[in-house]
Amino acid sequence: MFTVDIQPRFTDYDMFGHVNNTVLLQYLDLGKALFFNSITDKPNDPANIGSVIVNVNINFTAPTVLGEPLQVSTAVSHIGNRSFVLHQRVYNPETGATKADALTTMAGFDMHTQTGADLPAPLRRALESHLEA
């Protein structure tokens, strides 16, 4: 499981004093980006990842209040021929309380033809090493 610390900004909070739900999606995106940077040999190269987000299912389970520490964990829950699913969680590392839990489906994509494609072999191997038990 890949984990990253999140430092909420003052502007991340809504009028109720909670991190806004739309911001939690940004935290998940940051977790995905850093996860891919850690498993690929060409960080930040979209062609190296060879996939796009096709579905996000998220459960918002508890509010996050000002000053609360946060982390995002990312793991691979499923790998198919043309897609894979990332399981991510935003949580308080001190209490273990989950703030949001998400499953993101990503599908293989050929940047040159702009069409669906099988997952690139190097990406598949990297994903397999992070498959949840």
N, C-alpha and C. Protein backbone atom coordinates (compact mmCIF):
# COMPACT_ATOMS: atom_id res chain seq x y z
N MET A 1 0.84 -1.18 0.00
CA MET A 1 0.00 0.00 0.00
C MET A 1 0.89 1.24 0.00
N PHE A 2 0.55 2.18 -0.86
CA PHE A 2 1.29 3.43 -0.96
C PHE A 2 0.54 4.49 -0.16
N THR A 3 1.27 5.25 0.66
CA THR A 3 0.64 6.25 1.51
C THR A 3 1.34 7.59 1.36
N VAL A 4 0.54 8.66 1.37
CA VAL A 4 1.08 10.01 1.28
C VAL A 4 0.39 10.90 2.31
N ASP A 5 1.19 11.77 2.95
CA ASP A 5 0.62 12.75 3.88
C ASP A 5 -0.03 13.88 3.09
N ILE A 6 -1.13 14.38 3.62
CA ILE A 6 -1.85 15.50 3.01
C ILE A 6 -1.81 16.68 3.97
N GLN A 7 -1.51 17.85 3.45
CA GLN A 7 -1.54 19.06 4.26
C GLN A 7 -2.71 19.92 3.77
N PRO A 8 -3.86 19.85 4.45
CA PRO A 8 -4.99 20.67 4.02
C PRO A 8 -4.67 22.15 4.08
N ARG A 9 -5.22 22.87 3.12
CA ARG A 9 -5.07 24.32 3.07
C ARG A 9 -6.31 24.95 3.71
N PHE A 10 -6.18 26.18 4.16
CA PHE A 10 -7.31 26.88 4.77
C PHE A 10 -8.50 26.94 3.81
N THR A 11 -8.21 27.11 2.53
CA THR A 11 -9.29 27.21 1.52
C THR A 11 -9.96 25.88 1.22
N ASP A 12 -9.45 24.78 1.78
CA ASP A 12 -10.07 23.46 1.58
C ASP A 12 -11.34 23.28 2.42
N TYR A 13 -11.55 24.16 3.39
CA TYR A 13 -12.65 24.02 4.33
C TYR A 13 -13.89 24.77 3.86
N ASP A 14 -15.06 24.17 4.15
CA ASP A 14 -16.32 24.81 3.77
C ASP A 14 -16.88 25.61 4.94
N MET A 15 -18.10 26.12 4.79
CA MET A 15 -18.68 26.98 5.82
C MET A 15 -19.01 26.22 7.11
N PHE A 16 -18.97 24.89 7.08
CA PHE A 16 -19.21 24.09 8.27
C PHE A 16 -17.91 23.78 9.01
N GLY A 17 -16.78 24.23 8.45
CA GLY A 17 -15.48 23.96 9.07
C GLY A 17 -14.94 22.58 8.75
N HIS A 18 -15.49 21.95 7.69
CA HIS A 18 -15.04 20.62 7.26
C HIS A 18 -14.34 20.75 5.92
N VAL A 19 -13.42 19.81 5.65
CA VAL A 19 -12.83 19.75 4.31
C VAL A 19 -13.99 19.45 3.35
N ASN A 20 -14.11 20.26 2.31
CA ASN A 20 -15.17 20.09 1.32
C ASN A 20 -15.00 18.77 0.59
N ASN A 21 -16.12 18.10 0.29
CA ASN A 21 -16.06 16.80 -0.39
C ASN A 21 -15.35 16.86 -1.73
N THR A 22 -15.51 17.96 -2.46
CA THR A 22 -14.83 18.07 -3.75
C THR A 22 -13.32 18.13 -3.56
N VAL A 23 -12.88 18.65 -2.45
CA VAL A 23 -11.45 18.72 -2.16
C VAL A 23 -10.90 17.32 -1.84
N LEU A 24 -11.72 16.50 -1.20
CA LEU A 24 -11.29 15.12 -0.93
C LEU A 24 -10.95 14.40 -2.24
N LEU A 25 -11.70 14.69 -3.30
CA LEU A 25 -11.37 14.11 -4.62
C LEU A 25 -10.01 14.59 -5.10
N GLN A 26 -9.67 15.84 -4.81
CA GLN A 26 -8.35 16.36 -5.18
C GLN A 26 -7.26 15.63 -4.40
N TYR A 27 -7.51 15.33 -3.14
CA TYR A 27 -6.54 14.58 -2.34
C TYR A 27 -6.33 13.18 -2.94
N LEU A 28 -7.43 12.55 -3.39
CA LEU A 28 -7.31 11.24 -4.03
C LEU A 28 -6.51 11.33 -5.32
N ASP A 29 -6.73 12.40 -6.10
CA ASP A 29 -5.96 12.59 -7.33
C ASP A 29 -4.47 12.75 -7.03
N LEU A 30 -4.15 13.51 -5.98
CA LEU A 30 -2.76 13.66 -5.59
C LEU A 30 -2.16 12.31 -5.19
N GLY A 31 -2.93 11.53 -4.45
CA GLY A 31 -2.47 10.19 -4.07
C GLY A 31 -2.21 9.32 -5.29
N LYS A 32 -3.10 9.39 -6.30
CA LYS A 32 -2.91 8.62 -7.54
C LYS A 32 -1.66 9.07 -8.27
N ALA A 33 -1.49 10.38 -8.40
CA ALA A 33 -0.33 10.91 -9.13
C ALA A 33 0.98 10.48 -8.48
N LEU A 34 1.06 10.60 -7.17
CA LEU A 34 2.28 10.21 -6.47
C LEU A 34 2.49 8.70 -6.49
N PHE A 35 1.39 7.94 -6.45
CA PHE A 35 1.47 6.48 -6.58
C PHE A 35 2.09 6.11 -7.93
N PHE A 36 1.56 6.69 -9.02
CA PHE A 36 2.10 6.38 -10.34
C PHE A 36 3.55 6.82 -10.46
N ASN A 37 3.90 7.97 -9.88
CA ASN A 37 5.30 8.42 -9.90
C ASN A 37 6.20 7.41 -9.20
N SER A 38 5.68 6.77 -8.17
CA SER A 38 6.51 5.83 -7.39
C SER A 38 6.66 4.47 -8.07
N ILE A 39 5.74 4.09 -8.96
CA ILE A 39 5.81 2.74 -9.55
C ILE A 39 6.30 2.74 -10.99
N THR A 40 6.45 3.90 -11.60
CA THR A 40 6.89 3.94 -12.99
C THR A 40 8.30 4.51 -13.09
N ASP A 41 8.98 4.19 -14.19
CA ASP A 41 10.35 4.68 -14.38
C ASP A 41 10.39 6.05 -15.03
N LYS A 42 9.24 6.57 -15.47
CA LYS A 42 9.17 7.91 -16.06
C LYS A 42 8.05 8.68 -15.37
N PRO A 43 8.32 9.20 -14.16
CA PRO A 43 7.29 9.95 -13.45
C PRO A 43 6.73 11.11 -14.28
N ASN A 44 5.46 11.34 -14.10
CA ASN A 44 4.75 12.46 -14.74
C ASN A 44 4.63 12.34 -16.25
N ASP A 45 4.86 11.18 -16.82
CA ASP A 45 4.71 10.97 -18.26
C ASP A 45 3.41 10.22 -18.51
N PRO A 46 2.33 10.93 -18.99
CA PRO A 46 1.04 10.27 -19.18
C PRO A 46 1.13 9.05 -20.09
N ALA A 47 2.00 9.07 -21.09
CA ALA A 47 2.12 7.93 -22.00
C ALA A 47 2.66 6.71 -21.27
N ASN A 48 3.45 6.92 -20.23
CA ASN A 48 4.01 5.82 -19.46
C ASN A 48 2.93 5.11 -18.63
N ILE A 49 1.91 5.85 -18.23
CA ILE A 49 0.82 5.26 -17.44
C ILE A 49 -0.15 4.54 -18.35
N GLY A 50 -0.41 5.07 -19.53
CA GLY A 50 -1.22 4.40 -20.54
C GLY A 50 -2.63 4.07 -20.11
N SER A 51 -3.24 4.91 -19.26
CA SER A 51 -4.60 4.67 -18.81
C SER A 51 -5.27 5.98 -18.42
N VAL A 52 -6.60 5.92 -18.41
CA VAL A 52 -7.40 7.08 -18.03
C VAL A 52 -8.47 6.64 -17.03
N ILE A 53 -8.93 7.59 -16.23
CA ILE A 53 -10.00 7.31 -15.27
C ILE A 53 -11.32 7.19 -16.03
N VAL A 54 -12.05 6.10 -15.77
CA VAL A 54 -13.35 5.92 -16.41
C VAL A 54 -14.49 5.87 -15.39
N ASN A 55 -14.17 5.69 -14.10
CA ASN A 55 -15.22 5.64 -13.09
C ASN A 55 -14.62 5.89 -11.72
N VAL A 56 -15.33 6.66 -10.90
CA VAL A 56 -14.93 6.86 -9.51
C VAL A 56 -16.16 6.65 -8.63
N ASN A 57 -16.04 5.76 -7.67
CA ASN A 57 -17.08 5.54 -6.66
C ASN A 57 -16.49 5.92 -5.32
N ILE A 58 -17.12 6.88 -4.65
CA ILE A 58 -16.57 7.37 -3.39
C ILE A 58 -17.65 7.41 -2.33
N ASN A 59 -17.26 7.00 -1.13
CA ASN A 59 -18.13 7.11 0.04
C ASN A 59 -17.48 8.11 0.98
N PHE A 60 -18.22 9.15 1.32
CA PHE A 60 -17.77 10.14 2.30
C PHE A 60 -18.28 9.65 3.65
N THR A 61 -17.38 9.27 4.54
CA THR A 61 -17.80 8.58 5.76
C THR A 61 -17.73 9.40 7.03
N ALA A 62 -16.91 10.46 7.05
CA ALA A 62 -16.81 11.29 8.25
C ALA A 62 -16.22 12.64 7.88
N PRO A 63 -16.61 13.69 8.58
CA PRO A 63 -16.04 15.01 8.30
C PRO A 63 -14.59 15.12 8.77
N THR A 64 -13.86 16.00 8.12
CA THR A 64 -12.49 16.32 8.51
C THR A 64 -12.49 17.76 9.01
N VAL A 65 -11.99 17.96 10.21
CA VAL A 65 -12.02 19.29 10.82
C VAL A 65 -10.65 19.95 10.77
N LEU A 66 -10.65 21.25 10.93
CA LEU A 66 -9.43 22.05 10.87
C LEU A 66 -8.37 21.51 11.82
N GLY A 67 -7.16 21.32 11.31
CA GLY A 67 -6.03 20.85 12.11
C GLY A 67 -5.88 19.35 12.19
N GLU A 68 -6.84 18.61 11.65
CA GLU A 68 -6.78 17.15 11.72
C GLU A 68 -5.76 16.62 10.70
N PRO A 69 -4.87 15.71 11.11
CA PRO A 69 -3.90 15.16 10.15
C PRO A 69 -4.61 14.22 9.17
N LEU A 70 -4.11 14.17 7.92
CA LEU A 70 -4.70 13.31 6.90
C LEU A 70 -3.64 12.58 6.11
N GLN A 71 -3.99 11.38 5.68
CA GLN A 71 -3.18 10.63 4.74
C GLN A 71 -4.10 10.02 3.70
N VAL A 72 -3.52 9.75 2.52
CA VAL A 72 -4.22 9.02 1.47
C VAL A 72 -3.43 7.74 1.21
N SER A 73 -4.13 6.61 1.26
CA SER A 73 -3.50 5.35 0.90
C SER A 73 -4.03 4.92 -0.46
N THR A 74 -3.18 4.29 -1.24
CA THR A 74 -3.54 3.81 -2.57
C THR A 74 -3.01 2.40 -2.74
N ALA A 75 -3.88 1.50 -3.21
CA ALA A 75 -3.51 0.12 -3.51
C ALA A 75 -4.30 -0.31 -4.74
N VAL A 76 -3.87 -1.38 -5.34
CA VAL A 76 -4.55 -1.93 -6.52
C VAL A 76 -5.45 -3.06 -6.04
N SER A 77 -6.76 -2.98 -6.36
CA SER A 77 -7.67 -4.02 -5.90
C SER A 77 -8.03 -5.02 -6.99
N HIS A 78 -7.82 -4.66 -8.26
CA HIS A 78 -8.16 -5.57 -9.36
C HIS A 78 -7.36 -5.17 -10.60
N ILE A 79 -6.92 -6.16 -11.37
CA ILE A 79 -6.25 -5.91 -12.65
C ILE A 79 -6.90 -6.81 -13.70
N GLY A 80 -7.39 -6.20 -14.77
CA GLY A 80 -7.94 -6.94 -15.90
C GLY A 80 -7.02 -6.78 -17.10
N ASN A 81 -7.49 -7.17 -18.29
CA ASN A 81 -6.69 -7.02 -19.50
C ASN A 81 -6.58 -5.57 -19.94
N ARG A 82 -7.68 -4.84 -19.80
CA ARG A 82 -7.72 -3.46 -20.29
C ARG A 82 -8.02 -2.43 -19.21
N SER A 83 -8.14 -2.87 -17.97
CA SER A 83 -8.46 -1.93 -16.90
C SER A 83 -7.94 -2.44 -15.57
N PHE A 84 -7.95 -1.55 -14.60
CA PHE A 84 -7.58 -1.90 -13.23
C PHE A 84 -8.35 -0.99 -12.29
N VAL A 85 -8.43 -1.40 -11.03
CA VAL A 85 -9.16 -0.63 -10.03
C VAL A 85 -8.20 -0.28 -8.89
N LEU A 86 -8.18 1.00 -8.55
CA LEU A 86 -7.42 1.47 -7.40
C LEU A 86 -8.36 1.62 -6.22
N HIS A 87 -7.92 1.16 -5.06
CA HIS A 87 -8.67 1.37 -3.83
C HIS A 87 -7.92 2.44 -3.05
N GLN A 88 -8.60 3.54 -2.75
CA GLN A 88 -7.97 4.62 -2.02
C GLN A 88 -8.79 4.98 -0.80
N ARG A 89 -8.08 5.49 0.19
CA ARG A 89 -8.74 5.88 1.43
C ARG A 89 -8.10 7.16 1.94
N VAL A 90 -8.92 8.13 2.33
CA VAL A 90 -8.47 9.32 3.04
C VAL A 90 -8.79 9.06 4.50
N TYR A 91 -7.79 9.21 5.36
CA TYR A 91 -8.01 8.88 6.77
C TYR A 91 -7.10 9.69 7.69
N ASN A 92 -7.47 9.69 8.97
CA ASN A 92 -6.67 10.32 10.00
C ASN A 92 -5.68 9.26 10.49
N PRO A 93 -4.37 9.46 10.30
CA PRO A 93 -3.40 8.44 10.70
C PRO A 93 -3.27 8.27 12.22
N GLU A 94 -3.70 9.27 12.99
CA GLU A 94 -3.61 9.16 14.45
C GLU A 94 -4.74 8.31 15.03
N THR A 95 -5.94 8.44 14.46
CA THR A 95 -7.10 7.71 15.00
C THR A 95 -7.49 6.53 14.12
N GLY A 96 -7.04 6.54 12.86
CA GLY A 96 -7.44 5.50 11.92
C GLY A 96 -8.81 5.75 11.30
N ALA A 97 -9.47 6.84 11.68
CA ALA A 97 -10.82 7.13 11.19
C ALA A 97 -10.80 7.43 9.69
N THR A 98 -11.63 6.70 8.95
CA THR A 98 -11.74 6.90 7.51
C THR A 98 -12.63 8.10 7.24
N LYS A 99 -12.17 8.98 6.37
CA LYS A 99 -12.93 10.16 5.96
C LYS A 99 -13.61 9.93 4.62
N ALA A 100 -12.95 9.21 3.73
CA ALA A 100 -13.51 8.87 2.42
C ALA A 100 -12.84 7.59 1.95
N ASP A 101 -13.62 6.78 1.26
CA ASP A 101 -13.15 5.51 0.72
C ASP A 101 -13.58 5.46 -0.74
N ALA A 102 -12.65 5.19 -1.66
CA ALA A 102 -12.96 5.28 -3.08
C ALA A 102 -12.40 4.11 -3.87
N LEU A 103 -13.14 3.75 -4.91
CA LEU A 103 -12.67 2.80 -5.92
C LEU A 103 -12.65 3.54 -7.24
N THR A 104 -11.50 3.57 -7.88
CA THR A 104 -11.34 4.27 -9.15
C THR A 104 -10.95 3.26 -10.22
N THR A 105 -11.78 3.17 -11.26
CA THR A 105 -11.48 2.27 -12.38
C THR A 105 -10.75 3.07 -13.44
N MET A 106 -9.62 2.52 -13.87
CA MET A 106 -8.83 3.15 -14.93
C MET A 106 -8.71 2.15 -16.07
N ALA A 107 -8.86 2.64 -17.29
CA ALA A 107 -8.81 1.77 -18.47
C ALA A 107 -7.61 2.12 -19.33
N GLY A 108 -7.06 1.09 -19.98
CA GLY A 108 -5.95 1.29 -20.91
C GLY A 108 -6.36 2.26 -22.01
N PHE A 109 -5.41 3.11 -22.41
CA PHE A 109 -5.71 4.15 -23.39
C PHE A 109 -4.47 4.43 -24.22
N ASP A 110 -4.65 4.44 -25.53
CA ASP A 110 -3.56 4.76 -26.45
C ASP A 110 -3.61 6.25 -26.74
N MET A 111 -2.59 6.97 -26.29
CA MET A 111 -2.55 8.43 -26.44
C MET A 111 -2.50 8.86 -27.91
N HIS A 112 -1.91 8.03 -28.77
CA HIS A 112 -1.74 8.40 -30.18
C HIS A 112 -3.03 8.24 -30.96
N THR A 113 -3.75 7.15 -30.72
CA THR A 113 -4.99 6.90 -31.47
C THR A 113 -6.22 7.40 -30.73
N GLN A 114 -6.04 7.77 -29.46
CA GLN A 114 -7.15 8.24 -28.62
C GLN A 114 -8.25 7.19 -28.49
N THR A 115 -7.85 5.92 -28.36
CA THR A 115 -8.79 4.82 -28.22
C THR A 115 -8.37 3.91 -27.06
N GLY A 116 -9.30 3.07 -26.64
CA GLY A 116 -9.01 2.10 -25.60
C GLY A 116 -7.92 1.14 -26.04
N ALA A 117 -7.20 0.60 -25.07
CA ALA A 117 -6.09 -0.31 -25.38
C ALA A 117 -5.85 -1.24 -24.21
N ASP A 118 -5.11 -2.32 -24.47
CA ASP A 118 -4.67 -3.19 -23.38
C ASP A 118 -3.70 -2.41 -22.49
N LEU A 119 -3.60 -2.83 -21.24
CA LEU A 119 -2.66 -2.17 -20.34
C LEU A 119 -1.24 -2.46 -20.80
N PRO A 120 -0.36 -1.44 -20.81
CA PRO A 120 1.04 -1.68 -21.18
C PRO A 120 1.68 -2.68 -20.21
N ALA A 121 2.50 -3.57 -20.73
CA ALA A 121 3.13 -4.61 -19.90
C ALA A 121 3.91 -4.04 -18.71
N PRO A 122 4.71 -2.97 -18.88
CA PRO A 122 5.43 -2.44 -17.71
C PRO A 122 4.48 -1.92 -16.62
N LEU A 123 3.38 -1.30 -17.04
CA LEU A 123 2.41 -0.83 -16.06
C LEU A 123 1.76 -2.01 -15.34
N ARG A 124 1.39 -3.03 -16.09
CA ARG A 124 0.77 -4.21 -15.50
C ARG A 124 1.69 -4.82 -14.43
N ARG A 125 2.97 -4.97 -14.76
CA ARG A 125 3.92 -5.54 -13.79
C ARG A 125 4.01 -4.66 -12.53
N ALA A 126 4.07 -3.36 -12.74
CA ALA A 126 4.15 -2.44 -11.59
C ALA A 126 2.89 -2.52 -10.73
N LEU A 127 1.73 -2.60 -11.38
CA LEU A 127 0.48 -2.70 -10.64
C LEU A 127 0.39 -4.00 -9.85
N GLU A 128 0.84 -5.09 -10.46
CA GLU A 128 0.78 -6.40 -9.80
C GLU A 128 1.55 -6.41 -8.48
N SER A 129 2.62 -5.62 -8.40
CA SER A 129 3.41 -5.58 -7.18
C SER A 129 2.70 -4.81 -6.06
N HIS A 130 1.59 -4.13 -6.39
CA HIS A 130 0.83 -3.38 -5.38
C HIS A 130 -0.60 -3.90 -5.23
N LEU A 131 -0.85 -5.12 -5.65
CA LEU A 131 -2.16 -5.73 -5.58
C LEU A 131 -2.51 -6.06 -4.12
N GLU A 132 -3.70 -5.63 -3.70
CA GLU A 132 -4.16 -5.94 -2.34
C GLU A 132 -4.34 -7.44 -2.17
N ALA A 133 -4.04 -7.91 -0.98
CA ALA A 133 -4.20 -9.35 -0.68
C ALA A 133 -5.64 -9.68 -0.40
